[in-house]
């Protein structure tokens, strides 16, 4: 996910995106725990996407 896409979204859309990413992160953690995850790099990508969303949310909050 690109930061330009995230900056174009509203606060509610960012909150929904964060919730979706956290659900994806939970699913990946469960797959890893049960040895079903084949591409472990997905975990890092989701973590970085969560960090991007949280950073954009903080920037928007500071601008207000």
C-alpha atoms as a PDB file:
ATOM      1  CA  UNK A   1       0.000   0.000   0.000  1.00  0.00           C
ATOM      2  CA  UNK A   2       1.354   3.384  -0.960  1.00  0.00           C
ATOM      3  CA  UNK A   3       1.324   6.416   1.289  1.00  0.00           C
ATOM      4  CA  UNK A   4      -0.257   8.553  -1.420  1.00  0.00           C
ATOM      5  CA  UNK A   5      -3.254   6.220  -1.419  1.00  0.00           C
ATOM      6  CA  UNK A   6      -3.497   6.441   2.357  1.00  0.00           C
ATOM      7  CA  UNK A   7      -3.255  10.223   2.472  1.00  0.00           C
ATOM      8  CA  UNK A   8      -6.237  10.466   0.109  1.00  0.00           C
ATOM      9  CA  UNK A   9      -8.450   8.489   2.499  1.00  0.00           C
ATOM     10  CA  UNK A  10     -10.614   9.976   5.234  1.00  0.00           C
ATOM     11  CA  UNK A  11     -10.229   9.270   8.949  1.00  0.00           C
ATOM     12  CA  UNK A  12     -13.015   6.684   8.917  1.00  0.00           C
ATOM     13  CA  UNK A  13     -11.509   4.906   5.912  1.00  0.00           C
ATOM     14  CA  UNK A  14      -8.103   4.834   7.603  1.00  0.00           C
ATOM     15  CA  UNK A  15      -9.660   3.356  10.743  1.00  0.00           C
ATOM     16  CA  UNK A  16     -11.368   0.644   8.656  1.00  0.00           C
ATOM     17  CA  UNK A  17      -8.106  -0.056   6.815  1.00  0.00           C
ATOM     18  CA  UNK A  18      -6.299  -0.421  10.145  1.00  0.00           C
ATOM     19  CA  UNK A  19      -8.939  -2.850  11.398  1.00  0.00           C
ATOM     20  CA  UNK A  20      -8.663  -4.921   8.219  1.00  0.00           C
ATOM     21  CA  UNK A  21      -4.875  -5.019   8.464  1.00  0.00           C
ATOM     22  CA  UNK A  22      -4.999  -6.121  12.091  1.00  0.00           C
ATOM     23  CA  UNK A  23      -7.394  -8.930  11.171  1.00  0.00           C
ATOM     24  CA  UNK A  24      -5.002  -9.969   8.396  1.00  0.00           C
ATOM     25  CA  UNK A  25      -2.102  -9.861  10.844  1.00  0.00           C
ATOM     26  CA  UNK A  26      -3.997 -12.088  13.277  1.00  0.00           C
ATOM     27  CA  UNK A  27      -4.780 -14.566  10.505  1.00  0.00           C
ATOM     28  CA  UNK A  28      -1.143 -14.679   9.435  1.00  0.00           C
ATOM     29  CA  UNK A  29      -0.015 -15.235  13.025  1.00  0.00           C
ATOM     30  CA  UNK A  30      -2.432 -18.149  13.362  1.00  0.00           C
ATOM     31  CA  UNK A  31      -1.223 -19.641  10.086  1.00  0.00           C
ATOM     32  CA  UNK A  32       2.368 -19.317  11.241  1.00  0.00           C
ATOM     33  CA  UNK A  33       1.581 -20.970  14.571  1.00  0.00           C
ATOM     34  CA  UNK A  34      -0.048 -23.942  12.858  1.00  0.00           C
ATOM     35  CA  UNK A  35       2.729 -24.258  10.255  1.00  0.00           C
ATOM     36  CA  UNK A  36       0.375 -23.389   7.379  1.00  0.00           C
ATOM     37  CA  UNK A  37       2.046 -20.144   6.289  1.00  0.00           C
ATOM     38  CA  UNK A  38       4.280 -20.625   3.265  1.00  0.00           C
ATOM     39  CA  UNK A  39       5.249 -17.015   2.529  1.00  0.00           C
ATOM     40  CA  UNK A  40       6.501 -15.620   5.825  1.00  0.00           C
ATOM     41  CA  UNK A  41       7.407 -12.262   4.294  1.00  0.00           C
ATOM     42  CA  UNK A  42       3.700 -11.366   4.340  1.00  0.00           C
ATOM     43  CA  UNK A  43       3.915 -10.839   8.093  1.00  0.00           C
ATOM     44  CA  UNK A  44       6.487  -8.076   7.707  1.00  0.00           C
ATOM     45  CA  UNK A  45       4.552  -6.429   4.900  1.00  0.00           C
ATOM     46  CA  UNK A  46       1.376  -6.285   6.975  1.00  0.00           C
ATOM     47  CA  UNK A  47       3.292  -4.877   9.954  1.00  0.00           C
ATOM     48  CA  UNK A  48       4.741  -2.117   7.788  1.00  0.00           C
ATOM     49  CA  UNK A  49       1.315  -1.329   6.324  1.00  0.00           C
ATOM     50  CA  UNK A  50      -0.097  -1.014   9.844  1.00  0.00           C
ATOM     51  CA  UNK A  51       2.727   1.356  10.739  1.00  0.00           C
ATOM     52  CA  UNK A  52       2.039   3.438   7.615  1.00  0.00           C
ATOM     53  CA  UNK A  53      -1.652   3.764   8.449  1.00  0.00           C
ATOM     54  CA  UNK A  54      -0.917   4.741  12.044  1.00  0.00           C
ATOM     55  CA  UNK A  55       1.645   7.312  10.893  1.00  0.00           C
ATOM     56  CA  UNK A  56      -0.819   8.917   8.479  1.00  0.00           C
ATOM     57  CA  UNK A  57      -3.466   8.994  11.222  1.00  0.00           C
ATOM     58  CA  UNK A  58      -1.020  10.732  13.565  1.00  0.00           C
ATOM     59  CA  UNK A  59      -0.062  13.260  10.888  1.00  0.00           C
ATOM     60  CA  UNK A  60      -3.716  14.088  10.236  1.00  0.00           C
ATOM     61  CA  UNK A  61      -4.414  14.435  13.958  1.00  0.00           C
ATOM     62  CA  UNK A  62      -1.452  16.774  14.415  1.00  0.00           C
ATOM     63  CA  UNK A  63      -2.589  18.917  11.495  1.00  0.00           C
ATOM     64  CA  UNK A  64      -5.960  19.576  13.099  1.00  0.00           C
END
